[in-house]
Amino acid sequence: MSAVFGQIIIGPPGSGKTTYSAAIQDYFNKCTAGISSRHVYIVNLDAANVGMPYECAIDLVDLITVDDVCDNLNLGPNGSLMYCIEHIEKNIDWLLKRLESLIAQHP
């Protein structure tokens, strides 16, 4: 199996995380087109970031969203985000299964 690399992009709202992620994916896809079997995938772990301008290979909003938590549990945005973080921690197998599947597709 080839080595697997990743970047974790963090920052406050509006700091350019989505723009950077789209740009770096586009850059690597163009640089490796026809010369490498490497694949670039975006994994969204932000339960408040819905409607991404690109396709995510794994998207936390498929499991839980801040809006759903706000509506169903009557929490504010910060409490809802904390709930979502705790939910993914309790359901880490959901994420690991999807990551393992991506890696298995391209040994």
N, C-alpha and C. Protein backbone atom coordinates (compact mmCIF):
# COMPACT_ATOMS: atom_id res chain seq x y z
N MET A 1 0.84 -1.18 0.00
CA MET A 1 0.00 0.00 0.00
C MET A 1 0.88 1.24 0.00
N SER A 2 0.49 2.24 -0.76
CA SER A 2 1.20 3.51 -0.82
C SER A 2 1.01 4.28 0.48
N ALA A 3 1.91 5.22 0.69
CA ALA A 3 1.76 6.10 1.84
C ALA A 3 0.54 6.99 1.63
N VAL A 4 -0.11 7.31 2.72
CA VAL A 4 -1.29 8.17 2.68
C VAL A 4 -0.92 9.47 3.38
N PHE A 5 -1.22 10.59 2.73
CA PHE A 5 -0.91 11.89 3.29
C PHE A 5 -2.19 12.68 3.46
N GLY A 6 -2.18 13.63 4.35
CA GLY A 6 -3.35 14.48 4.54
C GLY A 6 -2.96 15.83 5.11
N GLN A 7 -3.85 16.76 4.96
CA GLN A 7 -3.72 18.08 5.55
C GLN A 7 -4.96 18.33 6.39
N ILE A 8 -4.78 18.98 7.51
CA ILE A 8 -5.91 19.41 8.32
C ILE A 8 -5.95 20.93 8.21
N ILE A 9 -7.05 21.43 7.68
CA ILE A 9 -7.20 22.86 7.46
C ILE A 9 -8.17 23.39 8.51
N ILE A 10 -7.68 24.27 9.37
CA ILE A 10 -8.53 24.84 10.42
C ILE A 10 -8.43 26.36 10.38
N GLY A 11 -9.44 27.01 10.91
CA GLY A 11 -9.43 28.46 10.99
C GLY A 11 -10.81 28.98 11.30
N PRO A 12 -10.89 30.25 11.65
CA PRO A 12 -12.19 30.83 11.97
C PRO A 12 -13.06 30.98 10.73
N PRO A 13 -14.36 31.17 10.92
CA PRO A 13 -15.25 31.36 9.77
C PRO A 13 -14.77 32.52 8.89
N GLY A 14 -14.82 32.28 7.58
CA GLY A 14 -14.45 33.33 6.63
C GLY A 14 -12.96 33.47 6.38
N SER A 15 -12.15 32.56 6.93
CA SER A 15 -10.70 32.69 6.78
C SER A 15 -10.16 32.08 5.49
N GLY A 16 -11.01 31.40 4.71
CA GLY A 16 -10.56 30.87 3.43
C GLY A 16 -10.31 29.38 3.39
N LYS A 17 -10.80 28.64 4.38
CA LYS A 17 -10.59 27.19 4.41
C LYS A 17 -11.19 26.50 3.19
N THR A 18 -12.41 26.87 2.85
CA THR A 18 -13.10 26.27 1.71
C THR A 18 -12.40 26.65 0.41
N THR A 19 -12.03 27.91 0.27
CA THR A 19 -11.33 28.38 -0.93
C THR A 19 -9.99 27.67 -1.07
N TYR A 20 -9.24 27.56 0.02
CA TYR A 20 -7.95 26.87 -0.02
C TYR A 20 -8.13 25.40 -0.39
N SER A 21 -9.09 24.74 0.22
CA SER A 21 -9.30 23.32 -0.05
C SER A 21 -9.62 23.07 -1.52
N ALA A 22 -10.48 23.90 -2.09
CA ALA A 22 -10.82 23.76 -3.51
C ALA A 22 -9.60 24.01 -4.38
N ALA A 23 -8.81 25.03 -4.03
CA ALA A 23 -7.63 25.37 -4.83
C ALA A 23 -6.56 24.29 -4.77
N ILE A 24 -6.31 23.74 -3.59
CA ILE A 24 -5.26 22.73 -3.46
C ILE A 24 -5.67 21.43 -4.13
N GLN A 25 -6.96 21.10 -4.08
CA GLN A 25 -7.44 19.91 -4.79
C GLN A 25 -7.27 20.10 -6.29
N ASP A 26 -7.65 21.24 -6.80
CA ASP A 26 -7.52 21.54 -8.23
C ASP A 26 -6.05 21.51 -8.64
N TYR A 27 -5.18 22.11 -7.83
CA TYR A 27 -3.75 22.15 -8.13
C TYR A 27 -3.16 20.74 -8.23
N PHE A 28 -3.41 19.91 -7.23
CA PHE A 28 -2.85 18.56 -7.25
C PHE A 28 -3.43 17.72 -8.39
N ASN A 29 -4.71 17.88 -8.66
CA ASN A 29 -5.30 17.13 -9.77
C ASN A 29 -4.67 17.52 -11.10
N LYS A 30 -4.38 18.81 -11.29
CA LYS A 30 -3.74 19.26 -12.53
C LYS A 30 -2.28 18.82 -12.60
N CYS A 31 -1.58 18.89 -11.48
CA CYS A 31 -0.16 18.52 -11.45
C CYS A 31 0.07 17.03 -11.68
N THR A 32 -0.85 16.21 -11.25
CA THR A 32 -0.64 14.77 -11.33
C THR A 32 -1.40 14.12 -12.48
N ALA A 33 -2.15 14.90 -13.24
CA ALA A 33 -2.96 14.33 -14.33
C ALA A 33 -2.08 13.59 -15.33
N GLY A 34 -2.35 12.32 -15.50
CA GLY A 34 -1.64 11.51 -16.48
C GLY A 34 -0.28 11.00 -16.05
N ILE A 35 0.24 11.48 -14.91
CA ILE A 35 1.58 11.04 -14.50
C ILE A 35 1.60 10.34 -13.15
N SER A 36 0.50 10.36 -12.46
CA SER A 36 0.47 9.77 -11.12
C SER A 36 -0.89 9.15 -10.85
N SER A 37 -0.87 8.14 -10.01
CA SER A 37 -2.13 7.51 -9.62
C SER A 37 -2.65 8.09 -8.31
N ARG A 38 -2.04 9.17 -7.85
CA ARG A 38 -2.50 9.78 -6.60
C ARG A 38 -3.86 10.43 -6.78
N HIS A 39 -4.63 10.36 -5.74
CA HIS A 39 -5.96 10.95 -5.74
C HIS A 39 -6.06 11.93 -4.58
N VAL A 40 -6.78 13.00 -4.79
CA VAL A 40 -6.99 14.01 -3.77
C VAL A 40 -8.46 14.01 -3.40
N TYR A 41 -8.73 13.88 -2.12
CA TYR A 41 -10.10 13.87 -1.63
C TYR A 41 -10.25 14.94 -0.55
N ILE A 42 -11.42 15.51 -0.49
CA ILE A 42 -11.72 16.46 0.58
C ILE A 42 -12.67 15.78 1.56
N VAL A 43 -12.33 15.90 2.83
CA VAL A 43 -13.15 15.38 3.92
C VAL A 43 -13.61 16.58 4.74
N ASN A 44 -14.90 16.83 4.77
CA ASN A 44 -15.45 17.94 5.54
C ASN A 44 -15.86 17.46 6.92
N LEU A 45 -15.22 18.01 7.94
CA LEU A 45 -15.56 17.67 9.32
C LEU A 45 -16.25 18.83 10.04
N ASP A 46 -16.79 19.76 9.28
CA ASP A 46 -17.49 20.92 9.83
C ASP A 46 -18.99 20.73 9.66
N ALA A 47 -19.66 20.45 10.75
CA ALA A 47 -21.10 20.18 10.71
C ALA A 47 -21.92 21.44 10.41
N ALA A 48 -21.27 22.60 10.42
CA ALA A 48 -21.97 23.85 10.10
C ALA A 48 -21.77 24.25 8.64
N ASN A 49 -20.91 23.56 7.92
CA ASN A 49 -20.57 23.93 6.55
C ASN A 49 -21.36 23.06 5.57
N VAL A 50 -22.54 23.52 5.22
CA VAL A 50 -23.38 22.81 4.26
C VAL A 50 -23.32 23.54 2.93
N GLY A 51 -23.61 22.82 1.85
CA GLY A 51 -23.61 23.44 0.52
C GLY A 51 -22.23 23.79 0.03
N MET A 52 -21.30 22.86 0.15
CA MET A 52 -19.93 23.11 -0.31
C MET A 52 -19.91 23.33 -1.82
N PRO A 53 -18.98 24.14 -2.32
CA PRO A 53 -18.90 24.39 -3.76
C PRO A 53 -18.21 23.28 -4.53
N TYR A 54 -17.87 22.20 -3.87
CA TYR A 54 -17.23 21.05 -4.49
C TYR A 54 -17.72 19.80 -3.78
N GLU A 55 -17.45 18.67 -4.39
CA GLU A 55 -17.88 17.40 -3.80
C GLU A 55 -16.87 16.95 -2.75
N CYS A 56 -17.39 16.54 -1.62
CA CYS A 56 -16.55 15.99 -0.56
C CYS A 56 -16.63 14.47 -0.61
N ALA A 57 -15.49 13.82 -0.49
CA ALA A 57 -15.47 12.36 -0.47
C ALA A 57 -16.16 11.85 0.79
N ILE A 58 -15.97 12.57 1.87
CA ILE A 58 -16.64 12.28 3.14
C ILE A 58 -17.13 13.62 3.67
N ASP A 59 -18.38 13.67 4.06
CA ASP A 59 -18.96 14.92 4.52
C ASP A 59 -19.72 14.68 5.82
N LEU A 60 -19.27 15.31 6.88
CA LEU A 60 -19.89 15.14 8.19
C LEU A 60 -21.37 15.50 8.17
N VAL A 61 -21.76 16.41 7.30
CA VAL A 61 -23.17 16.80 7.26
C VAL A 61 -24.07 15.66 6.78
N ASP A 62 -23.48 14.59 6.26
CA ASP A 62 -24.27 13.39 5.96
C ASP A 62 -24.67 12.67 7.24
N LEU A 63 -23.93 12.92 8.32
CA LEU A 63 -24.22 12.30 9.61
C LEU A 63 -25.02 13.24 10.52
N ILE A 64 -24.59 14.49 10.59
CA ILE A 64 -25.21 15.44 11.52
C ILE A 64 -24.92 16.86 11.05
N THR A 65 -25.87 17.76 11.30
CA THR A 65 -25.65 19.18 10.97
C THR A 65 -25.99 20.05 12.17
N VAL A 66 -25.34 21.18 12.24
CA VAL A 66 -25.61 22.15 13.29
C VAL A 66 -27.07 22.61 13.22
N ASP A 67 -27.57 22.85 12.01
CA ASP A 67 -28.96 23.31 11.87
C ASP A 67 -29.95 22.29 12.43
N ASP A 68 -29.72 21.01 12.14
CA ASP A 68 -30.62 19.97 12.67
C ASP A 68 -30.58 19.92 14.20
N VAL A 69 -29.38 20.06 14.76
CA VAL A 69 -29.25 20.04 16.21
C VAL A 69 -29.95 21.26 16.82
N CYS A 70 -29.74 22.43 16.21
CA CYS A 70 -30.43 23.65 16.69
C CYS A 70 -31.94 23.45 16.71
N ASP A 71 -32.46 22.92 15.61
CA ASP A 71 -33.91 22.75 15.48
C ASP A 71 -34.47 21.70 16.42
N ASN A 72 -33.77 20.58 16.56
CA ASN A 72 -34.31 19.44 17.31
C ASN A 72 -34.01 19.47 18.80
N LEU A 73 -32.90 20.09 19.18
CA LEU A 73 -32.51 20.08 20.60
C LEU A 73 -32.59 21.46 21.24
N ASN A 74 -33.02 22.45 20.45
CA ASN A 74 -33.17 23.82 20.95
C ASN A 74 -31.88 24.37 21.57
N LEU A 75 -30.77 24.07 20.92
CA LEU A 75 -29.48 24.62 21.33
C LEU A 75 -29.13 25.78 20.42
N GLY A 76 -28.29 26.67 20.89
CA GLY A 76 -27.79 27.75 20.05
C GLY A 76 -26.70 27.23 19.13
N PRO A 77 -26.13 28.11 18.29
CA PRO A 77 -25.13 27.65 17.32
C PRO A 77 -23.87 27.08 17.97
N ASN A 78 -23.39 27.69 19.05
CA ASN A 78 -22.18 27.18 19.69
C ASN A 78 -22.44 25.85 20.39
N GLY A 79 -23.55 25.76 21.12
CA GLY A 79 -23.91 24.51 21.77
C GLY A 79 -24.16 23.40 20.77
N SER A 80 -24.76 23.76 19.64
CA SER A 80 -25.02 22.77 18.59
C SER A 80 -23.73 22.26 17.99
N LEU A 81 -22.77 23.15 17.78
CA LEU A 81 -21.48 22.72 17.24
C LEU A 81 -20.76 21.80 18.22
N MET A 82 -20.81 22.13 19.50
CA MET A 82 -20.20 21.26 20.52
C MET A 82 -20.89 19.89 20.53
N TYR A 83 -22.21 19.88 20.41
CA TYR A 83 -22.95 18.62 20.36
C TYR A 83 -22.49 17.79 19.16
N CYS A 84 -22.32 18.44 18.01
CA CYS A 84 -21.89 17.73 16.80
C CYS A 84 -20.50 17.13 16.97
N ILE A 85 -19.60 17.88 17.61
CA ILE A 85 -18.25 17.38 17.86
C ILE A 85 -18.31 16.15 18.76
N GLU A 86 -19.11 16.21 19.81
CA GLU A 86 -19.27 15.06 20.70
C GLU A 86 -19.91 13.89 19.96
N HIS A 87 -20.83 14.18 19.06
CA HIS A 87 -21.51 13.12 18.30
C HIS A 87 -20.53 12.39 17.38
N ILE A 88 -19.66 13.11 16.71
CA ILE A 88 -18.68 12.44 15.83
C ILE A 88 -17.68 11.65 16.68
N GLU A 89 -17.35 12.16 17.86
CA GLU A 89 -16.46 11.41 18.75
C GLU A 89 -17.10 10.08 19.15
N LYS A 90 -18.38 10.10 19.47
CA LYS A 90 -19.08 8.88 19.86
C LYS A 90 -19.32 7.95 18.67
N ASN A 91 -19.31 8.50 17.48
CA ASN A 91 -19.55 7.72 16.26
C ASN A 91 -18.33 7.72 15.35
N ILE A 92 -17.16 7.65 15.95
CA ILE A 92 -15.91 7.72 15.18
C ILE A 92 -15.81 6.59 14.16
N ASP A 93 -16.46 5.47 14.42
CA ASP A 93 -16.45 4.37 13.46
C ASP A 93 -17.07 4.78 12.12
N TRP A 94 -18.04 5.68 12.15
CA TRP A 94 -18.65 6.20 10.91
C TRP A 94 -17.57 6.82 10.03
N LEU A 95 -16.71 7.64 10.64
CA LEU A 95 -15.64 8.31 9.90
C LEU A 95 -14.55 7.33 9.49
N LEU A 96 -14.11 6.50 10.41
CA LEU A 96 -13.02 5.57 10.11
C LEU A 96 -13.39 4.60 8.99
N LYS A 97 -14.62 4.12 8.99
CA LYS A 97 -15.07 3.22 7.93
C LYS A 97 -14.97 3.89 6.57
N ARG A 98 -15.36 5.13 6.48
CA ARG A 98 -15.32 5.86 5.21
C ARG A 98 -13.88 6.18 4.79
N LEU A 99 -13.03 6.52 5.75
CA LEU A 99 -11.62 6.76 5.42
C LEU A 99 -10.95 5.48 4.93
N GLU A 100 -11.21 4.38 5.60
CA GLU A 100 -10.64 3.10 5.18
C GLU A 100 -11.12 2.72 3.79
N SER A 101 -12.36 3.01 3.48
CA SER A 101 -12.90 2.71 2.15
C SER A 101 -12.20 3.53 1.08
N LEU A 102 -11.94 4.80 1.35
CA LEU A 102 -11.21 5.64 0.38
C LEU A 102 -9.81 5.09 0.13
N ILE A 103 -9.14 4.74 1.20
CA ILE A 103 -7.77 4.22 1.09
C ILE A 103 -7.77 2.90 0.32
N ALA A 104 -8.74 2.05 0.58
CA ALA A 104 -8.81 0.75 -0.09
C ALA A 104 -9.08 0.88 -1.58
N GLN A 105 -9.73 1.95 -2.01
CA GLN A 105 -10.02 2.15 -3.43
C GLN A 105 -8.76 2.38 -4.24
N HIS A 106 -7.72 2.89 -3.60
CA HIS A 106 -6.49 3.24 -4.31
C HIS A 106 -5.27 2.76 -3.53
N PRO A 107 -5.02 1.45 -3.56
CA PRO A 107 -3.90 0.90 -2.78
C PRO A 107 -2.55 1.35 -3.32
